Amino acid sequence: MNSPLFRTLCIISALGLSGIVLGAEQLYTAQPSVTPELANPGEYPVGVSTITIGGDAGSESNERRLVLEVWYPAASTDDQAVPLATYKNVTRSHREFELQGNSFRDVEARKSPQGYPLIVVSHGYTGYRTIMFYLGEHLASHGYVVAAIDHTDSTNAEVDMVNAPGAGFISTLLNRAKDQQLTLQHFADSNSPIAAITDTEHAAVIGYSMGGYGAINTVGACYQFTSESLIPLGANAEQAAALMPMLNFCNAGQEQVDPRWRAMIAISPWGGELNLHSPESMAKISTPSLYIVGDQDDISGFEHGVKKLFEQSGAAQSYLMVYENARHNVAAHPAPTTAFGSDLDIGHHFEPSWDLETINRVNRHMSLAFLNCYVKDSAAACDYLPKREDITQKKGADQKLTPAWPGFQERWGTGIRFHRKTQP
């Protein structure tokens, strides 16, 4: 066969396999019949801007310089006049990609007398600020301002994962929680148009992997590093002794937990297996917390990792959502085409037993329910947090199925469990 159409399809296939993508990729499909209720878009069009905060090179400021992707409720836009935003970044092996978003770049923010609560999003090691863009856009459409951080020294673009994979790790240990606190304070102090619509008195932090390691500290845990825990991470004995006083802080470096943090979501948070968060401080956490993890997590660990952190937390409003048979990659967007050309790259996105788009939809639903419940104080939203542990509907002697989890379609869900610290 040698038709023009056949030749065109061959060229497109070859480009895809070589990691070259023509234009921005659309990673998501329309699935209205199986999408959980709160995973559907909200009432607001979404704007997005890229901003830089903190100290500039050469300035007298001691603050770190951070790049943020900020999603926010937008004023009405003419969809024909404003193109949808795209997100450019690189994989861990530094292959470029561009993804299609569902927001509008640098459009006017929608005014609100009371402001929209601030959500700070924090990626893992390594990562990038738009790795959870699906969640940032979603929450903004439901009335939040969402600021996702590029953690300096810890991004895909900055770290050579082939020749120097640990180059940014000490910086990550030192700065994750402090970057989250810096971002909150920026919006409290700024007079920008987006900050003007932001309610920083009602804030939450969402952290993935190392972002979760930081988020737990931000809401009240204290680090308890020792020489024994630092040496396996690449420090020698002399370096470990020098680092411990700098690393062993609480509350993102504040004297006490900032009361503006009303909730925390930790997705596959790292550190539990190494006992890096002191149990005594974990027991004092009172911030409502949602932990999300795969029960086969081979990076952060499950039984002696994330589940242990959940059990140690003193927060009465503490929850654990478990994806059965999932590993560590339960936060990121699906893999861009170019990632399939490298084991290093696909390892950032792939789940062997799950479709990542399905995971993203569940994350959108459950995150919105949790944040609306504890950040917006919506009793109706609290009712979406499951009271039955297993999502699977069971058939009784009367041949009828038990009810679906709130907001989920009949016969839709299997393979997820939801645990509560305090039973309803």
Protein backbone atom coordinates (compact mmCIF):
# COMPACT_ATOMS: atom_id res chain seq x y z
CA MET A 1 0.00 0.00 0.00
CA ASN A 2 1.47 3.36 -1.04
CA SER A 3 -1.39 5.84 -0.90
CA PRO A 4 -0.82 9.43 0.30
CA LEU A 5 -2.89 8.72 3.43
CA PHE A 6 -0.83 5.63 4.24
CA ARG A 7 2.44 7.54 3.80
CA THR A 8 1.13 10.33 6.05
CA LEU A 9 0.17 7.87 8.78
CA CYS A 10 3.61 6.27 8.58
CA ILE A 11 5.28 9.66 9.00
CA ILE A 12 3.10 10.53 12.01
CA SER A 13 3.83 7.14 13.58
CA ALA A 14 7.57 7.55 13.05
CA LEU A 15 7.53 11.03 14.58
CA GLY A 16 5.69 9.77 17.64
CA LEU A 17 8.06 6.85 18.17
CA SER A 18 11.09 9.12 17.88
CA GLY A 19 9.77 11.41 20.59
CA ILE A 20 8.77 14.26 18.24
CA VAL A 21 5.25 15.54 18.73
CA LEU A 22 3.50 17.87 16.34
CA GLY A 23 1.91 20.58 18.49
CA ALA A 24 0.59 20.27 22.01
CA GLU A 25 -0.61 16.84 23.12
CA GLN A 26 -4.10 16.29 24.50
CA LEU A 27 -3.73 13.69 27.26
CA TYR A 28 -7.36 13.42 28.31
CA THR A 29 -10.50 11.96 26.77
CA ALA A 30 -14.17 12.74 27.39
CA GLN A 31 -15.62 10.13 29.76
CA PRO A 32 -18.86 11.64 31.13
CA SER A 33 -20.52 8.31 31.87
CA VAL A 34 -17.85 7.15 34.32
CA THR A 35 -16.41 10.41 35.65
CA PRO A 36 -17.02 10.87 39.40
CA GLU A 37 -19.34 13.79 40.07
CA LEU A 38 -16.80 16.14 41.63
CA ALA A 39 -14.25 15.41 38.90
CA ASN A 40 -16.35 17.41 36.44
CA PRO A 41 -15.29 21.02 35.73
CA GLY A 42 -16.67 23.78 37.91
CA GLU A 43 -18.55 26.91 37.01
CA TYR A 44 -15.59 29.22 36.41
CA PRO A 45 -13.41 29.58 33.32
CA VAL A 46 -9.78 29.21 34.36
CA GLY A 47 -6.91 31.62 33.87
CA VAL A 48 -3.25 30.70 34.24
CA SER A 49 -0.10 32.79 34.67
CA THR A 50 3.56 31.99 35.23
CA ILE A 51 5.15 34.17 37.91
CA THR A 52 8.45 34.35 39.76
CA ILE A 53 8.67 35.01 43.49
CA GLY A 54 11.44 35.34 46.05
CA GLY A 55 14.91 36.84 45.77
CA ASP A 56 16.46 37.68 42.41
CA ALA A 57 20.05 36.86 41.60
CA GLY A 58 22.33 39.64 42.84
CA SER A 59 19.73 41.09 45.21
CA GLU A 60 20.11 41.39 48.97
CA SER A 61 17.15 39.10 49.58
CA ASN A 62 17.86 35.75 51.23
CA GLU A 63 14.67 34.25 49.83
CA ARG A 64 14.88 31.51 47.25
CA ARG A 65 13.76 32.36 43.76
CA LEU A 66 10.80 30.19 42.72
CA VAL A 67 8.82 29.95 39.50
CA LEU A 68 5.10 29.29 39.98
CA GLU A 69 2.29 28.25 37.67
CA VAL A 70 -0.85 29.90 39.03
CA TRP A 71 -4.39 28.91 38.07
CA TYR A 72 -7.31 31.10 39.10
CA PRO A 73 -10.99 31.78 38.38
CA ALA A 74 -11.08 34.02 35.33
CA ALA A 75 -13.44 36.77 34.30
CA SER A 76 -15.66 35.82 31.37
CA THR A 77 -13.55 35.15 28.29
CA ASP A 78 -14.35 34.99 24.61
CA ASP A 79 -13.26 31.44 23.84
CA GLN A 80 -12.79 32.36 20.19
CA ALA A 81 -10.44 35.25 20.95
CA VAL A 82 -8.22 33.65 23.62
CA PRO A 83 -6.44 30.38 22.77
CA LEU A 84 -6.17 27.65 25.36
CA ALA A 85 -2.89 27.52 27.26
CA THR A 86 -0.26 24.84 26.76
CA TYR A 87 2.40 23.61 29.18
CA LYS A 88 5.99 23.05 28.04
CA ASN A 89 8.56 21.12 30.02
CA VAL A 90 11.16 18.35 29.77
CA THR A 91 11.25 14.75 30.91
CA ARG A 92 13.88 13.45 33.30
CA SER A 93 16.17 12.73 30.35
CA HIS A 94 15.54 16.31 29.15
CA ARG A 95 13.28 15.50 26.20
CA GLU A 96 10.96 18.41 25.46
CA PHE A 97 7.18 18.08 25.40
CA GLU A 98 4.16 20.37 25.23
CA LEU A 99 0.74 19.52 26.67
CA GLN A 100 -2.66 20.99 25.89
CA GLY A 101 -4.35 22.65 28.84
CA ASN A 102 -7.89 23.77 29.48
CA SER A 103 -7.18 27.28 30.77
CA PHE A 104 -6.52 30.72 29.30
CA ARG A 105 -3.09 32.33 29.54
CA ASP A 106 -2.84 35.66 31.45
CA VAL A 107 -6.51 36.60 31.25
CA GLU A 108 -8.23 38.87 33.75
CA ALA A 109 -8.94 37.39 37.18
CA ARG A 110 -12.51 37.10 38.35
CA LYS A 111 -13.18 39.42 41.27
CA SER A 112 -14.60 38.05 44.51
CA PRO A 113 -15.48 40.03 47.67
CA GLN A 114 -14.37 37.22 49.98
CA GLY A 115 -11.53 35.91 47.78
CA TYR A 116 -10.75 32.37 46.63
CA PRO A 117 -8.82 30.06 48.99
CA LEU A 118 -5.18 29.40 48.12
CA ILE A 119 -3.92 25.89 47.33
CA VAL A 120 -0.13 25.38 47.13
CA VAL A 121 1.00 22.40 45.01
CA SER A 122 4.44 20.85 45.45
CA HIS A 123 6.05 18.29 43.10
CA GLY A 124 8.40 15.42 43.87
CA TYR A 125 12.11 14.82 43.18
CA THR A 126 12.55 15.45 40.37
CA GLY A 127 9.49 17.08 38.84
CA TYR A 128 8.04 20.32 37.54
CA ARG A 129 5.29 22.76 38.45
CA THR A 130 2.74 21.50 35.90
CA ILE A 131 3.04 17.79 36.71
CA MET A 132 -0.44 18.01 38.30
CA PHE A 133 -1.89 20.62 35.93
CA TYR A 134 -5.08 18.55 35.68
CA LEU A 135 -5.66 19.20 39.40
CA GLY A 136 -4.66 22.86 39.29
CA GLU A 137 -7.09 23.63 36.47
CA HIS A 138 -9.84 21.62 38.13
CA LEU A 139 -9.62 23.27 41.53
CA ALA A 140 -9.48 26.75 39.96
CA SER A 141 -12.67 26.00 38.04
CA HIS A 142 -14.31 25.32 41.42
CA GLY A 143 -13.23 28.57 43.03
CA TYR A 144 -9.63 28.23 44.24
CA VAL A 145 -6.37 29.98 43.42
CA VAL A 146 -3.79 27.23 42.86
CA ALA A 147 -0.05 27.98 42.94
CA ALA A 148 2.20 25.11 41.79
CA ILE A 149 5.91 25.45 42.54
CA ASP A 150 9.00 24.72 40.47
CA HIS A 151 11.27 23.84 43.40
CA THR A 152 14.66 25.33 42.55
CA ASP A 153 17.46 22.70 42.36
CA SER A 154 14.88 19.90 42.15
CA THR A 155 13.25 20.07 38.72
CA ASN A 156 13.65 17.79 35.71
CA ALA A 157 15.33 20.64 33.85
CA GLU A 158 17.96 21.28 36.54
CA VAL A 159 18.99 17.76 37.56
CA ASP A 160 21.01 15.39 35.38
CA MET A 161 19.34 12.14 36.40
CA VAL A 162 21.82 10.06 34.37
CA ASN A 163 25.17 11.45 35.55
CA ALA A 164 24.32 13.23 38.83
CA PRO A 165 20.90 12.06 40.01
CA GLY A 166 21.39 13.22 43.61
CA ALA A 167 22.70 16.69 42.81
CA GLY A 168 19.62 18.49 44.09
CA PHE A 169 18.56 16.16 46.88
CA ILE A 170 20.07 17.95 49.88
CA SER A 171 18.47 21.19 48.66
CA THR A 172 15.20 19.28 48.42
CA LEU A 173 15.47 18.06 52.01
CA LEU A 174 16.20 21.58 53.22
CA ASN A 175 13.72 23.59 51.19
CA ARG A 176 10.54 21.66 50.37
CA ALA A 177 8.47 22.82 53.34
CA LYS A 178 10.04 26.29 53.40
CA ASP A 179 9.16 26.82 49.73
CA GLN A 180 5.55 25.97 50.51
CA GLN A 181 5.48 28.52 53.35
CA LEU A 182 7.21 31.14 51.18
CA THR A 183 4.53 30.71 48.51
CA LEU A 184 1.71 31.26 51.01
CA GLN A 185 3.43 34.36 52.37
CA HIS A 186 3.99 35.76 48.88
CA PHE A 187 0.28 35.81 48.16
CA ALA A 188 -0.42 37.34 51.55
CA ASP A 189 2.05 40.17 50.91
CA SER A 190 1.61 40.78 47.17
CA ASN A 191 -0.67 43.39 45.64
CA SER A 192 -0.86 41.70 42.23
CA PRO A 193 -4.26 41.24 40.56
CA ILE A 194 -4.24 37.51 41.31
CA ALA A 195 -3.17 38.01 44.93
CA ALA A 196 -5.99 40.53 45.25
CA ILE A 197 -8.57 37.77 44.67
CA THR A 198 -6.78 35.24 46.89
CA ASP A 199 -7.94 34.34 50.39
CA THR A 200 -4.72 33.38 52.20
CA GLU A 201 -6.52 32.95 55.51
CA HIS A 202 -7.97 29.74 54.09
CA ALA A 203 -5.09 27.82 52.51
CA ALA A 204 -4.10 24.21 51.89
CA VAL A 205 -0.98 22.43 50.67
CA ILE A 206 -0.87 19.46 48.29
CA GLY A 207 2.46 17.65 48.11
CA TYR A 208 3.53 14.67 46.01
CA SER A 209 6.41 12.41 47.12
CA MET A 210 9.08 14.88 48.32
CA GLY A 211 6.37 17.54 48.19
CA GLY A 212 4.43 15.38 50.66
CA TYR A 213 7.56 14.99 52.80
CA GLY A 214 7.55 18.79 53.01
CA ALA A 215 3.80 19.22 53.43
CA ILE A 216 3.70 17.04 56.55
CA ASN A 217 6.39 19.25 58.08
CA THR A 218 4.55 22.40 56.99
CA VAL A 219 1.46 21.44 59.00
CA GLY A 220 3.32 20.50 62.16
CA ALA A 221 5.75 17.58 61.94
CA CYS A 222 9.38 17.93 62.97
CA TYR A 223 12.23 16.30 61.07
CA GLN A 224 14.52 13.99 63.07
CA PHE A 225 17.52 13.38 60.83
CA THR A 226 20.50 11.47 62.18
CA SER A 227 23.90 10.63 60.71
CA GLU A 228 22.58 7.12 60.12
CA SER A 229 19.71 8.44 58.00
CA LEU A 230 21.80 10.96 56.05
CA ILE A 231 24.75 8.79 55.04
CA PRO A 232 22.61 6.43 52.86
CA LEU A 233 21.31 9.58 51.14
CA GLY A 234 24.83 10.51 49.96
CA ALA A 235 26.33 12.54 52.81
CA ASN A 236 29.60 11.57 54.49
CA ALA A 237 29.95 11.67 58.29
CA GLU A 238 31.31 15.23 58.33
CA GLN A 239 28.58 16.50 56.01
CA ALA A 240 25.90 14.73 58.02
CA ALA A 241 27.04 16.40 61.24
CA ALA A 242 26.95 19.82 59.58
CA LEU A 243 23.57 19.27 57.96
CA MET A 244 21.60 17.95 60.93
CA PRO A 245 21.15 21.32 62.70
CA MET A 246 19.85 22.83 59.45
CA LEU A 247 17.57 19.94 58.58
CA ASN A 248 15.95 19.25 61.93
CA PHE A 249 13.27 21.94 61.98
CA CYS A 250 9.51 21.98 62.45
CA ASN A 251 6.56 23.85 60.93
CA ALA A 252 8.35 24.84 57.68
CA GLY A 253 10.86 26.75 59.81
CA GLN A 254 8.22 28.71 61.73
CA GLU A 255 7.95 28.80 65.50
CA GLN A 256 4.51 27.25 65.24
CA VAL A 257 2.21 25.91 62.54
CA ASP A 258 0.83 28.74 60.44
CA PRO A 259 -2.91 28.78 61.30
CA ARG A 260 -3.75 29.76 57.72
CA TRP A 261 -3.10 26.16 56.65
CA ARG A 262 -6.57 24.65 56.91
CA ALA A 263 -5.86 21.31 55.19
CA MET A 264 -3.10 19.12 53.78
CA ILE A 265 -3.08 16.47 51.04
CA ALA A 266 0.01 14.24 50.94
CA ILE A 267 0.24 12.00 47.86
CA SER A 268 2.79 9.19 48.22
CA PRO A 269 4.74 11.26 50.81
CA TRP A 270 8.35 10.17 51.27
CA GLY A 271 10.23 9.78 54.54
CA GLY A 272 8.09 7.43 56.61
CA GLU A 273 10.22 4.33 56.05
CA LEU A 274 13.30 6.24 57.25
CA ASN A 275 11.44 7.70 60.26
CA LEU A 276 12.33 11.24 59.20
CA HIS A 277 9.24 12.79 60.85
CA SER A 278 9.30 12.42 64.62
CA PRO A 279 6.34 10.39 65.96
CA GLU A 280 5.91 12.83 68.84
CA SER A 281 5.38 15.76 66.47
CA MET A 282 3.20 13.68 64.15
CA ALA A 283 0.90 12.99 67.09
CA LYS A 284 0.45 16.74 67.61
CA ILE A 285 -0.72 17.48 64.07
CA SER A 286 -4.25 18.84 64.08
CA THR A 287 -4.61 20.02 60.47
CA PRO A 288 -7.16 17.92 58.53
CA SER A 289 -5.14 15.60 56.32
CA LEU A 290 -5.75 13.34 53.33
CA TYR A 291 -3.08 10.77 52.44
CA ILE A 292 -3.20 9.16 48.97
CA VAL A 293 -1.01 6.18 48.11
CA GLY A 294 -0.66 2.93 46.18
CA ASP A 295 -0.37 -0.16 48.36
CA GLN A 296 2.58 -1.32 46.24
CA ASP A 297 4.49 1.98 46.52
CA ASP A 298 8.13 1.01 46.00
CA ILE A 299 9.54 4.51 46.61
CA SER A 300 7.82 5.82 49.75
CA GLY A 301 6.62 2.46 51.03
CA PHE A 302 3.13 1.57 52.18
CA GLU A 303 2.92 -0.41 55.45
CA HIS A 304 6.06 1.13 56.96
CA GLY A 305 5.82 4.35 54.96
CA VAL A 306 2.67 6.26 54.08
CA LYS A 307 0.25 4.11 56.10
CA LYS A 308 2.49 4.55 59.13
CA LEU A 309 2.48 8.35 58.71
CA PHE A 310 -1.32 8.31 58.52
CA GLU A 311 -1.52 6.20 61.68
CA GLN A 312 0.95 8.43 63.53
CA SER A 313 -0.92 11.63 62.70
CA GLY A 314 -2.87 13.14 65.58
CA ALA A 315 -5.36 14.90 63.29
CA ALA A 316 -8.85 13.65 64.11
CA GLN A 317 -9.92 14.57 60.57
CA SER A 318 -7.36 12.34 58.89
CA TYR A 319 -8.02 10.08 55.89
CA LEU A 320 -6.12 7.55 53.80
CA MET A 321 -7.13 6.68 50.21
CA VAL A 322 -5.38 3.59 48.85
CA TYR A 323 -5.13 2.53 45.20
CA GLU A 324 -4.78 -1.24 45.32
CA ASN A 325 -1.91 -2.66 43.23
CA ALA A 326 -0.62 0.85 42.42
CA ARG A 327 2.97 1.89 42.91
CA HIS A 328 4.34 5.42 43.42
CA ASN A 329 3.03 7.25 40.35
CA VAL A 330 -0.46 8.18 41.54
CA ALA A 331 -0.20 11.97 41.19
CA ALA A 332 1.26 12.97 37.83
CA HIS A 333 -0.58 13.55 34.56
CA PRO A 334 -0.40 10.70 32.00
CA ALA A 335 2.86 10.27 30.13
CA PRO A 336 3.58 12.50 27.13
CA THR A 337 4.47 10.61 23.97
CA THR A 338 8.17 11.36 24.23
CA ALA A 339 8.38 9.70 27.67
CA PHE A 340 7.73 6.28 26.12
CA GLY A 341 11.16 6.40 24.51
CA SER A 342 13.02 6.06 27.83
CA ASP A 343 12.64 3.83 30.88
CA LEU A 344 13.83 6.75 33.01
CA ASP A 345 11.08 9.00 31.65
CA ILE A 346 8.17 6.58 31.59
CA GLY A 347 9.00 5.62 35.17
CA HIS A 348 7.73 9.05 36.20
CA HIS A 349 4.21 8.41 34.87
CA PHE A 350 3.44 4.75 34.32
CA GLU A 351 1.33 2.53 36.58
CA PRO A 352 1.34 -1.17 35.56
CA SER A 353 -2.14 -1.97 36.96
CA TRP A 354 -3.93 1.35 36.51
CA ASP A 355 -4.88 3.81 33.81
CA LEU A 356 -3.41 7.12 34.99
CA GLU A 357 -6.30 9.10 33.54
CA THR A 358 -8.64 7.15 35.83
CA ILE A 359 -6.42 7.93 38.82
CA ASN A 360 -6.39 11.62 37.86
CA ARG A 361 -10.19 11.70 37.77
CA VAL A 362 -10.48 10.08 41.20
CA ASN A 363 -7.87 12.50 42.56
CA ARG A 364 -9.86 15.45 41.23
CA HIS A 365 -13.07 14.18 42.81
CA MET A 366 -11.68 13.28 46.23
CA SER A 367 -9.38 16.31 46.52
CA LEU A 368 -12.25 18.67 45.78
CA ALA A 369 -14.52 16.94 48.31
CA PHE A 370 -11.82 17.11 51.00
CA LEU A 371 -10.83 20.74 50.31
CA ASN A 372 -14.41 21.96 50.07
CA CYS A 373 -15.12 20.21 53.36
CA TYR A 374 -12.20 21.61 55.38
CA VAL A 375 -11.08 24.75 53.56
CA LYS A 376 -14.51 26.05 52.53
CA ASP A 377 -16.29 24.48 55.52
CA SER A 378 -18.96 22.87 53.33
CA ALA A 379 -20.92 20.21 55.24
CA ALA A 380 -22.37 18.98 51.94
CA ALA A 381 -18.86 18.37 50.61
CA CYS A 382 -17.95 16.35 53.72
CA ASP A 383 -20.73 13.92 52.78
CA TYR A 384 -18.73 12.94 49.67
CA LEU A 385 -15.93 11.48 51.83
CA PRO A 386 -16.71 7.73 51.84
CA LYS A 387 -17.98 6.07 54.99
CA ARG A 388 -17.51 2.53 53.64
CA GLU A 389 -13.90 1.41 53.34
CA ASP A 390 -14.10 -0.55 50.07
CA ILE A 391 -15.31 1.21 46.91
CA THR A 392 -16.45 -2.12 45.43
CA GLN A 393 -20.20 -2.65 45.54
CA LYS A 394 -21.10 -6.09 46.91
CA LYS A 395 -24.13 -8.13 45.86
CA GLY A 396 -26.36 -9.18 48.75
CA ALA A 397 -28.71 -12.15 49.18
CA ASP A 398 -31.44 -9.98 47.66
CA GLN A 399 -29.33 -9.71 44.48
CA LYS A 400 -28.98 -5.96 44.99
CA LEU A 401 -25.66 -4.13 45.11
CA THR A 402 -24.56 -2.08 48.07
CA PRO A 403 -24.64 1.68 47.29
CA ALA A 404 -21.84 3.26 45.29
CA TRP A 405 -19.48 5.67 47.02
CA PRO A 406 -20.98 9.20 47.05
CA GLY A 407 -20.56 10.83 43.66
CA PHE A 408 -19.44 7.66 41.85
CA GLN A 409 -21.44 5.93 39.13
CA GLU A 410 -23.10 2.59 39.81
CA ARG A 411 -20.76 -0.38 39.21
CA TRP A 412 -17.92 2.01 38.35
CA GLY A 413 -15.46 1.56 41.19
CA THR A 414 -13.13 -1.24 42.21
CA GLY A 415 -9.64 -1.32 43.66
CA ILE A 416 -9.79 1.68 46.02
CA ARG A 417 -10.04 1.78 49.80
CA PHE A 418 -10.74 4.75 52.07
CA HIS A 419 -9.75 4.79 55.74
CA ARG A 420 -10.79 7.30 58.39
CA LYS A 421 -8.92 8.18 61.56
CA THR A 422 -12.25 8.82 63.28
CA GLN A 423 -15.08 6.57 62.20
CA PRO A 424 -18.41 8.24 61.30
